[in-house]
Amino acid sequence: MASNIVKPEVEIPSTELPGLQKALSSVEALTAQLFPLREKVRTLEVKTKSDYMEIGQVLSETRNLRKQGAAYFSPFDLIVDRVRTFLRTKRQKHENACEEIEALCLPKMKAFEQVEIAAAKKEEKQINKKSENPVEVVPDIPPTPGYRRSTTYPVEVVDADKLLKVWERADGERKKYLRRFITIDIKEVAAEARKTKNPEKLMHMIPGIKCWKD
């Protein structure tokens, strides 16, 4: 007897936004109150204590209107964030599955390509030994829709001190060129600052930096 497999339904968060039109109208009314405040603060010169108090009142009113606007939008922000998080999670799950398969395919395809390229080079060398007209043997690698073979150029730093020494002795464009590949680890510098707790000492220990207490 065959059993029926029932897939669990995906619980999709509600996208309904009840009361949105009313909230938008209320925020529009709040925004309208900002226009005269903006014009007032543009022309107001703060030269006296009274002026300072007046512009401070404008600042307080503006911040209060901002809080009211945020309060109107807050319920909808929660709904939007919930939907965005749901979609992001589902999309990431799909992309992770795709990437997992790609990660299995690519190394095997690359290995096959390398074997075919080596075989083509070997055959080309053998043919050109006997022929006066050089020929090029193309690797027998079938095309794959959506995939283009690429050549990679792995790099490994084997002697960082050597790079620093050559940069130090260089000048002009050569020095500028090499400087692109020398990075200061600011996180490490910041960690040392927290450890040292002495800006003057740190600037002496590490030339070329600026440190201060904040």
N, C-alpha and C. Protein backbone atom coordinates (compact mmCIF):
# COMPACT_ATOMS: atom_id res chain seq x y z
N MET A 1 0.86 -1.19 0.00
CA MET A 1 0.00 0.00 0.00
C MET A 1 0.89 1.23 0.00
N ALA A 2 0.71 2.08 -0.99
CA ALA A 2 1.55 3.27 -1.11
C ALA A 2 1.11 4.31 -0.08
N SER A 3 2.08 4.93 0.52
CA SER A 3 1.77 5.97 1.51
C SER A 3 1.84 7.34 0.86
N ASN A 4 0.92 8.19 1.23
CA ASN A 4 0.92 9.55 0.70
C ASN A 4 1.85 10.44 1.51
N ILE A 5 2.81 11.05 0.82
CA ILE A 5 3.75 11.94 1.50
C ILE A 5 3.21 13.37 1.42
N VAL A 6 2.92 13.93 2.54
CA VAL A 6 2.38 15.29 2.58
C VAL A 6 3.49 16.25 2.97
N LYS A 7 3.79 17.15 2.06
CA LYS A 7 4.83 18.15 2.36
C LYS A 7 4.27 19.20 3.31
N PRO A 8 5.01 19.56 4.33
CA PRO A 8 4.53 20.59 5.26
C PRO A 8 4.39 21.94 4.54
N GLU A 9 3.30 22.63 4.83
CA GLU A 9 3.09 23.94 4.23
C GLU A 9 4.03 24.96 4.85
N VAL A 10 4.53 25.86 4.00
CA VAL A 10 5.42 26.91 4.49
C VAL A 10 4.57 28.03 5.08
N GLU A 11 4.84 28.37 6.32
CA GLU A 11 4.08 29.43 6.97
C GLU A 11 4.64 30.79 6.53
N ILE A 12 3.90 31.46 5.67
CA ILE A 12 4.34 32.74 5.13
C ILE A 12 3.82 33.87 6.01
N PRO A 13 4.70 34.76 6.44
CA PRO A 13 4.24 35.88 7.28
C PRO A 13 3.29 36.79 6.52
N SER A 14 2.34 37.35 7.21
CA SER A 14 1.35 38.22 6.58
C SER A 14 2.01 39.49 6.03
N THR A 15 1.57 39.89 4.84
CA THR A 15 2.08 41.12 4.23
C THR A 15 1.04 42.24 4.27
N GLU A 16 -0.06 41.99 4.97
CA GLU A 16 -1.09 43.02 5.08
C GLU A 16 -0.61 44.16 5.97
N LEU A 17 -0.97 45.38 5.56
CA LEU A 17 -0.56 46.57 6.31
C LEU A 17 -1.79 47.38 6.69
N PRO A 18 -2.58 46.88 7.63
CA PRO A 18 -3.80 47.60 8.02
C PRO A 18 -3.46 48.96 8.66
N GLY A 19 -4.21 49.97 8.26
CA GLY A 19 -3.99 51.30 8.84
C GLY A 19 -2.87 52.09 8.20
N LEU A 20 -2.31 51.57 7.10
CA LEU A 20 -1.18 52.25 6.47
C LEU A 20 -1.57 53.62 5.92
N GLN A 21 -2.72 53.70 5.25
CA GLN A 21 -3.13 54.97 4.66
C GLN A 21 -3.29 56.05 5.73
N LYS A 22 -3.87 55.68 6.85
CA LYS A 22 -4.05 56.63 7.95
C LYS A 22 -2.70 57.07 8.51
N ALA A 23 -1.78 56.12 8.63
CA ALA A 23 -0.44 56.44 9.15
C ALA A 23 0.29 57.38 8.20
N LEU A 24 0.17 57.13 6.89
CA LEU A 24 0.84 57.98 5.90
C LEU A 24 0.29 59.40 5.94
N SER A 25 -1.04 59.52 6.09
CA SER A 25 -1.65 60.84 6.18
C SER A 25 -1.18 61.58 7.42
N SER A 26 -1.07 60.85 8.52
CA SER A 26 -0.61 61.47 9.77
C SER A 26 0.83 61.94 9.66
N VAL A 27 1.69 61.14 9.00
CA VAL A 27 3.09 61.52 8.83
C VAL A 27 3.21 62.72 7.89
N GLU A 28 2.37 62.75 6.86
CA GLU A 28 2.37 63.90 5.95
C GLU A 28 2.04 65.18 6.72
N ALA A 29 1.09 65.09 7.63
CA ALA A 29 0.72 66.25 8.45
C ALA A 29 1.89 66.68 9.34
N LEU A 30 2.60 65.71 9.89
CA LEU A 30 3.78 66.03 10.70
C LEU A 30 4.85 66.69 9.85
N THR A 31 5.06 66.17 8.63
CA THR A 31 6.08 66.72 7.74
C THR A 31 5.75 68.17 7.39
N ALA A 32 4.47 68.46 7.22
CA ALA A 32 4.06 69.84 6.90
C ALA A 32 4.46 70.80 8.02
N GLN A 33 4.47 70.30 9.24
CA GLN A 33 4.85 71.15 10.37
C GLN A 33 6.35 71.46 10.37
N LEU A 34 7.13 70.69 9.64
CA LEU A 34 8.57 70.90 9.60
C LEU A 34 8.97 72.05 8.68
N PHE A 35 8.17 72.34 7.67
CA PHE A 35 8.54 73.36 6.69
C PHE A 35 8.74 74.74 7.32
N PRO A 36 7.78 75.24 8.13
CA PRO A 36 8.02 76.55 8.76
C PRO A 36 9.19 76.54 9.74
N LEU A 37 9.41 75.40 10.38
CA LEU A 37 10.56 75.29 11.29
C LEU A 37 11.87 75.41 10.52
N ARG A 38 11.91 74.78 9.34
CA ARG A 38 13.12 74.84 8.51
C ARG A 38 13.40 76.26 8.05
N GLU A 39 12.35 76.96 7.60
CA GLU A 39 12.54 78.33 7.15
C GLU A 39 12.97 79.23 8.30
N LYS A 40 12.42 78.98 9.47
CA LYS A 40 12.75 79.78 10.64
C LYS A 40 14.21 79.63 11.02
N VAL A 41 14.71 78.39 11.02
CA VAL A 41 16.08 78.14 11.45
C VAL A 41 17.09 78.60 10.40
N ARG A 42 16.66 78.67 9.13
CA ARG A 42 17.54 79.15 8.08
C ARG A 42 17.86 80.63 8.25
N THR A 43 16.90 81.38 8.69
CA THR A 43 17.09 82.84 8.80
C THR A 43 17.51 83.29 10.20
N LEU A 44 17.39 82.40 11.17
CA LEU A 44 17.69 82.79 12.55
C LEU A 44 19.20 82.84 12.81
N GLU A 45 19.68 83.97 13.27
CA GLU A 45 21.08 84.13 13.66
C GLU A 45 21.17 84.04 15.18
N VAL A 46 22.06 83.21 15.64
CA VAL A 46 22.19 82.98 17.08
C VAL A 46 23.28 83.88 17.65
N LYS A 47 22.84 85.02 18.18
CA LYS A 47 23.79 85.99 18.73
C LYS A 47 23.53 86.31 20.20
N THR A 48 22.34 86.00 20.64
CA THR A 48 22.00 86.29 22.03
C THR A 48 21.48 85.02 22.71
N LYS A 49 21.34 85.13 24.02
CA LYS A 49 20.82 84.01 24.80
C LYS A 49 19.41 83.67 24.34
N SER A 50 18.64 84.73 24.02
CA SER A 50 17.27 84.52 23.56
C SER A 50 17.25 83.76 22.23
N ASP A 51 18.18 84.13 21.31
CA ASP A 51 18.28 83.43 20.03
C ASP A 51 18.62 81.96 20.24
N TYR A 52 19.54 81.71 21.19
CA TYR A 52 19.97 80.35 21.47
C TYR A 52 18.80 79.51 21.98
N MET A 53 17.99 80.13 22.86
CA MET A 53 16.82 79.42 23.40
C MET A 53 15.79 79.16 22.30
N GLU A 54 15.66 80.13 21.38
CA GLU A 54 14.68 79.98 20.30
C GLU A 54 15.08 78.86 19.35
N ILE A 55 16.36 78.81 18.96
CA ILE A 55 16.78 77.75 18.04
C ILE A 55 16.78 76.39 18.75
N GLY A 56 17.01 76.41 20.07
CA GLY A 56 16.92 75.17 20.84
C GLY A 56 15.51 74.63 20.85
N GLN A 57 14.53 75.57 20.88
CA GLN A 57 13.13 75.15 20.84
C GLN A 57 12.79 74.52 19.49
N VAL A 58 13.36 75.09 18.41
CA VAL A 58 13.15 74.51 17.08
C VAL A 58 13.70 73.08 17.04
N LEU A 59 14.90 72.91 17.60
CA LEU A 59 15.52 71.58 17.63
C LEU A 59 14.64 70.60 18.40
N SER A 60 14.12 71.03 19.55
CA SER A 60 13.28 70.15 20.36
C SER A 60 12.00 69.77 19.63
N GLU A 61 11.37 70.75 18.97
CA GLU A 61 10.14 70.48 18.22
C GLU A 61 10.42 69.49 17.08
N THR A 62 11.55 69.71 16.39
CA THR A 62 11.91 68.83 15.27
C THR A 62 12.11 67.40 15.75
N ARG A 63 12.83 67.24 16.86
CA ARG A 63 13.08 65.90 17.38
C ARG A 63 11.80 65.23 17.85
N ASN A 64 10.89 66.02 18.40
CA ASN A 64 9.61 65.47 18.84
C ASN A 64 8.78 65.00 17.64
N LEU A 65 8.80 65.80 16.55
CA LEU A 65 8.08 65.40 15.34
C LEU A 65 8.69 64.14 14.72
N ARG A 66 10.03 64.03 14.81
CA ARG A 66 10.70 62.82 14.30
C ARG A 66 10.24 61.60 15.09
N LYS A 67 10.16 61.71 16.41
CA LYS A 67 9.72 60.59 17.24
C LYS A 67 8.29 60.19 16.91
N GLN A 68 7.43 61.20 16.68
CA GLN A 68 6.04 60.89 16.34
C GLN A 68 5.96 60.15 15.00
N GLY A 69 6.77 60.61 14.03
CA GLY A 69 6.79 59.94 12.73
C GLY A 69 7.25 58.50 12.85
N ALA A 70 8.30 58.30 13.63
CA ALA A 70 8.82 56.95 13.83
C ALA A 70 7.78 56.05 14.49
N ALA A 71 7.00 56.62 15.40
CA ALA A 71 5.97 55.84 16.10
C ALA A 71 4.88 55.38 15.13
N TYR A 72 4.54 56.24 14.16
CA TYR A 72 3.53 55.86 13.16
C TYR A 72 4.04 54.73 12.26
N PHE A 73 5.34 54.77 11.92
CA PHE A 73 5.90 53.78 11.00
C PHE A 73 6.30 52.47 11.69
N SER A 74 6.51 52.53 12.98
CA SER A 74 7.05 51.39 13.71
C SER A 74 6.28 50.08 13.50
N PRO A 75 4.94 50.07 13.58
CA PRO A 75 4.22 48.79 13.39
C PRO A 75 4.46 48.18 12.01
N PHE A 76 4.58 49.05 11.00
CA PHE A 76 4.79 48.57 9.63
C PHE A 76 6.23 48.10 9.43
N ASP A 77 7.16 48.76 10.13
CA ASP A 77 8.56 48.32 10.07
C ASP A 77 8.69 46.89 10.57
N LEU A 78 7.95 46.55 11.61
CA LEU A 78 8.01 45.19 12.15
C LEU A 78 7.51 44.18 11.13
N ILE A 79 6.41 44.52 10.43
CA ILE A 79 5.87 43.61 9.42
C ILE A 79 6.84 43.43 8.27
N VAL A 80 7.38 44.58 7.79
CA VAL A 80 8.33 44.54 6.66
C VAL A 80 9.58 43.76 7.04
N ASP A 81 10.09 43.99 8.24
CA ASP A 81 11.29 43.28 8.69
C ASP A 81 11.04 41.78 8.78
N ARG A 82 9.85 41.42 9.25
CA ARG A 82 9.51 40.01 9.37
C ARG A 82 9.48 39.34 7.99
N VAL A 83 8.85 40.02 7.03
CA VAL A 83 8.77 39.48 5.67
C VAL A 83 10.15 39.43 5.03
N ARG A 84 10.94 40.52 5.22
CA ARG A 84 12.29 40.57 4.64
C ARG A 84 13.15 39.44 5.19
N THR A 85 13.08 39.22 6.50
CA THR A 85 13.86 38.15 7.12
C THR A 85 13.44 36.78 6.59
N PHE A 86 12.13 36.59 6.44
CA PHE A 86 11.60 35.33 5.90
C PHE A 86 12.13 35.08 4.50
N LEU A 87 12.04 36.11 3.63
CA LEU A 87 12.48 35.96 2.25
C LEU A 87 13.99 35.75 2.17
N ARG A 88 14.73 36.50 3.00
CA ARG A 88 16.19 36.37 3.00
C ARG A 88 16.60 34.96 3.41
N THR A 89 15.90 34.41 4.41
CA THR A 89 16.22 33.06 4.88
C THR A 89 15.94 32.02 3.80
N LYS A 90 14.80 32.14 3.14
CA LYS A 90 14.44 31.19 2.08
C LYS A 90 15.40 31.31 0.90
N ARG A 91 15.73 32.55 0.54
CA ARG A 91 16.66 32.76 -0.58
C ARG A 91 18.03 32.19 -0.27
N GLN A 92 18.49 32.43 0.98
CA GLN A 92 19.81 31.94 1.36
C GLN A 92 19.85 30.42 1.37
N LYS A 93 18.75 29.80 1.80
CA LYS A 93 18.68 28.33 1.80
C LYS A 93 18.80 27.80 0.37
N HIS A 94 18.13 28.46 -0.55
CA HIS A 94 18.18 28.06 -1.97
C HIS A 94 19.59 28.26 -2.52
N GLU A 95 20.18 29.42 -2.25
CA GLU A 95 21.51 29.72 -2.78
C GLU A 95 22.57 28.80 -2.17
N ASN A 96 22.41 28.48 -0.90
CA ASN A 96 23.36 27.55 -0.25
C ASN A 96 23.32 26.18 -0.92
N ALA A 97 22.12 25.73 -1.28
CA ALA A 97 21.99 24.43 -1.95
C ALA A 97 22.66 24.48 -3.32
N CYS A 98 22.47 25.61 -4.03
CA CYS A 98 23.11 25.77 -5.35
C CYS A 98 24.63 25.79 -5.22
N GLU A 99 25.11 26.55 -4.25
CA GLU A 99 26.56 26.67 -4.06
C GLU A 99 27.18 25.34 -3.66
N GLU A 100 26.44 24.55 -2.89
CA GLU A 100 26.95 23.24 -2.49
C GLU A 100 27.18 22.35 -3.71
N ILE A 101 26.22 22.37 -4.64
CA ILE A 101 26.35 21.57 -5.85
C ILE A 101 27.48 22.11 -6.73
N GLU A 102 27.54 23.45 -6.86
CA GLU A 102 28.62 24.06 -7.65
C GLU A 102 29.99 23.68 -7.08
N ALA A 103 30.09 23.68 -5.76
CA ALA A 103 31.36 23.34 -5.12
C ALA A 103 31.77 21.90 -5.38
N LEU A 104 30.78 21.04 -5.66
CA LEU A 104 31.09 19.65 -6.00
C LEU A 104 31.43 19.52 -7.48
N CYS A 105 30.77 20.32 -8.32
CA CYS A 105 30.99 20.23 -9.77
C CYS A 105 32.34 20.81 -10.20
N LEU A 106 32.62 22.02 -9.75
CA LEU A 106 33.75 22.77 -10.29
C LEU A 106 35.11 22.09 -10.14
N PRO A 107 35.45 21.54 -8.97
CA PRO A 107 36.76 20.88 -8.86
C PRO A 107 36.90 19.70 -9.82
N LYS A 108 35.81 18.94 -10.01
CA LYS A 108 35.87 17.79 -10.91
C LYS A 108 36.00 18.24 -12.36
N MET A 109 35.29 19.30 -12.71
CA MET A 109 35.39 19.84 -14.06
C MET A 109 36.79 20.42 -14.30
N LYS A 110 37.30 21.12 -13.28
CA LYS A 110 38.63 21.73 -13.41
C LYS A 110 39.70 20.66 -13.58
N ALA A 111 39.57 19.56 -12.83
CA ALA A 111 40.54 18.46 -12.94
C ALA A 111 40.52 17.86 -14.35
N PHE A 112 39.31 17.66 -14.90
CA PHE A 112 39.19 17.14 -16.25
C PHE A 112 39.82 18.10 -17.26
N GLU A 113 39.54 19.39 -17.08
CA GLU A 113 40.10 20.41 -17.98
C GLU A 113 41.62 20.37 -17.98
N GLN A 114 42.20 20.25 -16.80
CA GLN A 114 43.67 20.24 -16.70
C GLN A 114 44.27 19.03 -17.42
N VAL A 115 43.59 17.87 -17.28
CA VAL A 115 44.07 16.67 -17.97
C VAL A 115 44.00 16.87 -19.48
N GLU A 116 42.89 17.43 -19.97
CA GLU A 116 42.70 17.64 -21.41
C GLU A 116 43.69 18.69 -21.94
N ILE A 117 43.93 19.74 -21.17
CA ILE A 117 44.87 20.78 -21.60
C ILE A 117 46.28 20.20 -21.70
N ALA A 118 46.66 19.39 -20.69
CA ALA A 118 47.99 18.77 -20.70
C ALA A 118 48.12 17.81 -21.89
N ALA A 119 47.06 17.06 -22.19
CA ALA A 119 47.09 16.12 -23.32
C ALA A 119 47.21 16.87 -24.64
N ALA A 120 46.51 18.01 -24.74
CA ALA A 120 46.56 18.81 -25.96
C ALA A 120 47.96 19.40 -26.17
N LYS A 121 48.56 19.86 -25.10
CA LYS A 121 49.91 20.42 -25.20
C LYS A 121 50.93 19.35 -25.61
N LYS A 122 50.74 18.15 -25.05
CA LYS A 122 51.65 17.04 -25.37
C LYS A 122 51.51 16.67 -26.86
N GLU A 123 50.26 16.58 -27.31
CA GLU A 123 50.03 16.24 -28.71
C GLU A 123 50.56 17.33 -29.64
N GLU A 124 50.35 18.59 -29.24
CA GLU A 124 50.84 19.71 -30.04
C GLU A 124 52.36 19.67 -30.17
N LYS A 125 53.02 19.35 -29.08
CA LYS A 125 54.49 19.27 -29.08
C LYS A 125 54.98 18.16 -29.99
N GLN A 126 54.30 17.02 -29.93
CA GLN A 126 54.70 15.88 -30.76
C GLN A 126 54.49 16.19 -32.26
N ILE A 127 53.39 16.82 -32.60
CA ILE A 127 53.09 17.16 -33.99
C ILE A 127 54.10 18.17 -34.52
N ASN A 128 54.40 19.19 -33.72
CA ASN A 128 55.28 20.26 -34.18
C ASN A 128 56.74 19.83 -34.30
N LYS A 129 57.06 18.69 -33.67
CA LYS A 129 58.43 18.17 -33.83
C LYS A 129 58.65 17.66 -35.25
N LYS A 130 57.55 17.16 -35.86
CA LYS A 130 57.65 16.54 -37.19
C LYS A 130 57.18 17.48 -38.30
N SER A 131 56.60 18.62 -37.95
CA SER A 131 56.04 19.51 -38.96
C SER A 131 56.79 20.83 -39.02
N GLU A 132 56.93 21.35 -40.22
CA GLU A 132 57.58 22.65 -40.39
C GLU A 132 56.62 23.79 -40.07
N ASN A 133 55.34 23.53 -40.20
CA ASN A 133 54.32 24.55 -39.91
C ASN A 133 53.70 24.28 -38.54
N PRO A 134 53.99 25.15 -37.56
CA PRO A 134 53.46 24.94 -36.21
C PRO A 134 51.93 24.92 -36.19
N VAL A 135 51.38 24.04 -35.41
CA VAL A 135 49.92 23.96 -35.27
C VAL A 135 49.57 24.07 -33.79
N GLU A 136 48.33 24.42 -33.56
CA GLU A 136 47.83 24.51 -32.18
C GLU A 136 46.75 23.46 -31.98
N VAL A 137 46.94 22.64 -30.98
CA VAL A 137 45.96 21.61 -30.67
C VAL A 137 45.04 22.13 -29.57
N VAL A 138 43.76 22.21 -29.88
CA VAL A 138 42.79 22.73 -28.91
C VAL A 138 42.30 21.59 -28.00
N PRO A 139 42.27 21.82 -26.69
CA PRO A 139 41.80 20.78 -25.77
C PRO A 139 40.36 20.37 -26.11
N ASP A 140 40.07 19.10 -26.01
CA ASP A 140 38.75 18.57 -26.34
C ASP A 140 37.85 18.67 -25.11
N ILE A 141 37.40 19.91 -24.85
CA ILE A 141 36.56 20.16 -23.67
C ILE A 141 35.20 20.67 -24.16
N PRO A 142 34.13 19.92 -23.93
CA PRO A 142 32.81 20.35 -24.43
C PRO A 142 32.33 21.61 -23.70
N PRO A 143 31.59 22.48 -24.41
CA PRO A 143 31.07 23.69 -23.77
C PRO A 143 29.96 23.35 -22.78
N THR A 144 29.84 24.18 -21.75
CA THR A 144 28.80 24.01 -20.74
C THR A 144 27.99 25.30 -20.64
N PRO A 145 26.69 25.26 -20.92
CA PRO A 145 25.87 26.48 -20.83
C PRO A 145 25.96 27.12 -19.45
N GLY A 146 26.17 28.42 -19.43
CA GLY A 146 26.23 29.14 -18.15
C GLY A 146 27.55 29.05 -17.44
N TYR A 147 28.52 28.39 -18.06
CA TYR A 147 29.83 28.23 -17.42
C TYR A 147 30.92 28.55 -18.43
N ARG A 148 31.83 29.39 -18.04
CA ARG A 148 32.96 29.73 -18.89
C ARG A 148 34.25 29.37 -18.17
N ARG A 149 35.06 28.58 -18.85
CA ARG A 149 36.33 28.19 -18.24
C ARG A 149 37.18 29.42 -17.98
N SER A 150 37.83 29.41 -16.84
CA SER A 150 38.69 30.54 -16.49
C SER A 150 40.03 30.04 -15.99
N THR A 151 41.03 30.89 -16.16
CA THR A 151 42.37 30.58 -15.66
C THR A 151 42.58 31.33 -14.36
N THR A 152 43.00 30.62 -13.33
CA THR A 152 43.26 31.26 -12.04
C THR A 152 44.75 31.46 -11.84
N TYR A 153 45.07 32.44 -11.03
CA TYR A 153 46.48 32.75 -10.74
C TYR A 153 46.67 32.86 -9.23
N PRO A 154 46.76 31.73 -8.56
CA PRO A 154 46.93 31.75 -7.10
C PRO A 154 48.21 32.50 -6.69
N VAL A 155 48.13 33.21 -5.58
CA VAL A 155 49.27 33.99 -5.08
C VAL A 155 49.50 33.66 -3.62
N GLU A 156 50.74 33.58 -3.23
CA GLU A 156 51.11 33.34 -1.84
C GLU A 156 52.28 34.24 -1.47
N VAL A 157 52.17 34.93 -0.35
CA VAL A 157 53.26 35.79 0.12
C VAL A 157 54.26 34.89 0.86
N VAL A 158 55.47 34.80 0.33
CA VAL A 158 56.47 33.91 0.93
C VAL A 158 57.55 34.69 1.69
N ASP A 159 57.65 36.00 1.44
CA ASP A 159 58.67 36.80 2.13
C ASP A 159 58.21 38.25 2.21
N ALA A 160 57.38 38.55 3.22
CA ALA A 160 56.84 39.90 3.38
C ALA A 160 57.95 40.92 3.63
N ASP A 161 58.96 40.51 4.39
CA ASP A 161 60.07 41.44 4.69
C ASP A 161 60.79 41.88 3.42
N LYS A 162 60.92 40.97 2.46
CA LYS A 162 61.57 41.31 1.20
C LYS A 162 60.80 42.40 0.47
N LEU A 163 59.48 42.27 0.46
CA LEU A 163 58.65 43.29 -0.18
C LEU A 163 58.83 44.64 0.50
N LEU A 164 58.87 44.64 1.82
CA LEU A 164 59.02 45.89 2.57
C LEU A 164 60.39 46.53 2.30
N LYS A 165 61.41 45.71 2.22
CA LYS A 165 62.75 46.24 1.97
C LYS A 165 62.86 46.85 0.58
N VAL A 166 62.30 46.17 -0.43
CA VAL A 166 62.34 46.69 -1.80
C VAL A 166 61.54 47.98 -1.89
N TRP A 167 60.37 48.02 -1.23
CA TRP A 167 59.55 49.24 -1.23
C TRP A 167 60.31 50.41 -0.58
N GLU A 168 61.00 50.10 0.52
CA GLU A 168 61.73 51.15 1.23
C GLU A 168 62.83 51.75 0.35
N ARG A 169 63.48 50.92 -0.46
CA ARG A 169 64.59 51.40 -1.31
C ARG A 169 64.09 52.06 -2.61
N ALA A 170 62.85 51.74 -2.98
CA ALA A 170 62.31 52.24 -4.26
C ALA A 170 61.96 53.72 -4.16
N ASP A 171 61.72 54.32 -5.33
CA ASP A 171 61.28 55.70 -5.36
C ASP A 171 60.35 55.91 -6.55
N GLY A 172 59.70 57.07 -6.60
CA GLY A 172 58.83 57.41 -7.72
C GLY A 172 57.67 56.45 -7.92
N GLU A 173 57.40 56.13 -9.19
CA GLU A 173 56.28 55.27 -9.55
C GLU A 173 56.42 53.87 -8.99
N ARG A 174 57.66 53.38 -8.92
CA ARG A 174 57.90 52.03 -8.39
C ARG A 174 57.47 51.96 -6.93
N LYS A 175 57.81 52.98 -6.16
CA LYS A 175 57.44 53.01 -4.74
C LYS A 175 55.93 53.10 -4.58
N LYS A 176 55.31 53.93 -5.42
CA LYS A 176 53.86 54.09 -5.38
C LYS A 176 53.17 52.77 -5.74
N TYR A 177 53.70 52.09 -6.74
CA TYR A 177 53.13 50.80 -7.17
C TYR A 177 53.18 49.77 -6.05
N LEU A 178 54.36 49.62 -5.43
CA LEU A 178 54.52 48.61 -4.38
C LEU A 178 53.69 48.94 -3.14
N ARG A 179 53.47 50.25 -2.89
CA ARG A 179 52.71 50.66 -1.69
C ARG A 179 51.27 50.13 -1.72
N ARG A 180 50.75 49.87 -2.93
CA ARG A 180 49.39 49.34 -3.06
C ARG A 180 49.22 47.99 -2.38
N PHE A 181 50.32 47.24 -2.24
CA PHE A 181 50.25 45.88 -1.72
C PHE A 181 50.68 45.76 -0.26
N ILE A 182 50.86 46.92 0.38
CA ILE A 182 51.26 46.94 1.80
C ILE A 182 50.11 47.53 2.60
N THR A 183 49.52 46.74 3.47
CA THR A 183 48.35 47.16 4.23
C THR A 183 48.68 47.25 5.72
N ILE A 184 48.21 48.34 6.35
CA ILE A 184 48.37 48.49 7.80
C ILE A 184 47.16 47.84 8.48
N ASP A 185 47.41 46.97 9.44
CA ASP A 185 46.33 46.30 10.17
C ASP A 185 45.84 47.23 11.27
N ILE A 186 44.86 48.09 10.96
CA ILE A 186 44.37 49.08 11.91
C ILE A 186 43.71 48.43 13.12
N LYS A 187 43.12 47.24 12.94
CA LYS A 187 42.52 46.55 14.08
C LYS A 187 43.59 46.15 15.09
N GLU A 188 44.74 45.73 14.58
CA GLU A 188 45.85 45.35 15.46
C GLU A 188 46.40 46.58 16.17
N VAL A 189 46.47 47.71 15.44
CA VAL A 189 46.94 48.96 16.04
C VAL A 189 45.98 49.41 17.14
N ALA A 190 44.66 49.32 16.86
CA ALA A 190 43.65 49.71 17.85
C ALA A 190 43.73 48.82 19.09
N ALA A 191 43.97 47.53 18.88
CA ALA A 191 44.10 46.60 20.01
C ALA A 191 45.31 46.98 20.87
N GLU A 192 46.40 47.38 20.20
CA GLU A 192 47.61 47.79 20.92
C GLU A 192 47.36 49.07 21.70
N ALA A 193 46.51 49.98 21.12
CA ALA A 193 46.18 51.23 21.81
C ALA A 193 45.39 50.95 23.09
N ARG A 194 44.44 50.01 23.01
CA ARG A 194 43.66 49.66 24.20
C ARG A 194 44.54 49.00 25.25
N LYS A 195 45.53 48.27 24.78
CA LYS A 195 46.44 47.58 25.71
C LYS A 195 47.40 48.57 26.37
N THR A 196 47.92 49.52 25.56
CA THR A 196 48.92 50.46 26.05
C THR A 196 48.30 51.55 26.93
N LYS A 197 47.09 52.05 26.49
CA LYS A 197 46.39 53.11 27.23
C LYS A 197 47.25 54.37 27.39
N ASN A 198 48.10 54.61 26.42
CA ASN A 198 48.99 55.78 26.48
C ASN A 198 49.26 56.26 25.05
N PRO A 199 48.49 57.27 24.57
CA PRO A 199 48.64 57.72 23.17
C PRO A 199 50.06 58.13 22.81
N GLU A 200 50.73 58.90 23.68
CA GLU A 200 52.08 59.38 23.38
C GLU A 200 53.05 58.20 23.22
N LYS A 201 52.94 57.25 24.12
CA LYS A 201 53.82 56.08 24.06
C LYS A 201 53.56 55.27 22.79
N LEU A 202 52.27 55.11 22.45
CA LEU A 202 51.92 54.32 21.28
C LEU A 202 52.44 54.97 20.00
N MET A 203 52.31 56.31 19.89
CA MET A 203 52.80 57.01 18.70
C MET A 203 54.31 56.92 18.59
N HIS A 204 54.98 56.81 19.72
CA HIS A 204 56.44 56.62 19.70
C HIS A 204 56.79 55.19 19.28
N MET A 205 55.98 54.24 19.75
CA MET A 205 56.22 52.83 19.45
C MET A 205 55.91 52.51 17.98
N ILE A 206 54.84 53.14 17.45
CA ILE A 206 54.41 52.86 16.08
C ILE A 206 54.44 54.16 15.29
N PRO A 207 55.51 54.46 14.60
CA PRO A 207 55.62 55.71 13.84
C PRO A 207 54.56 55.81 12.75
N GLY A 208 54.10 57.02 12.51
CA GLY A 208 53.17 57.24 11.42
C GLY A 208 51.72 57.14 11.80
N ILE A 209 51.41 56.93 13.09
CA ILE A 209 50.01 56.87 13.50
C ILE A 209 49.69 58.06 14.37
N LYS A 210 48.39 58.32 14.53
CA LYS A 210 47.93 59.36 15.43
C LYS A 210 46.96 58.72 16.42
N CYS A 211 47.16 58.98 17.69
CA CYS A 211 46.32 58.37 18.73
C CYS A 211 45.97 59.42 19.75
N TRP A 212 44.77 59.36 20.29
CA TRP A 212 44.34 60.31 21.32
C TRP A 212 43.30 59.66 22.22
N LYS A 213 43.06 60.30 23.34
CA LYS A 213 42.02 59.81 24.27
C LYS A 213 40.69 60.42 23.86
N ASP A 214 39.65 59.63 23.94
CA ASP A 214 38.32 60.11 23.57
C ASP A 214 37.29 59.67 24.61
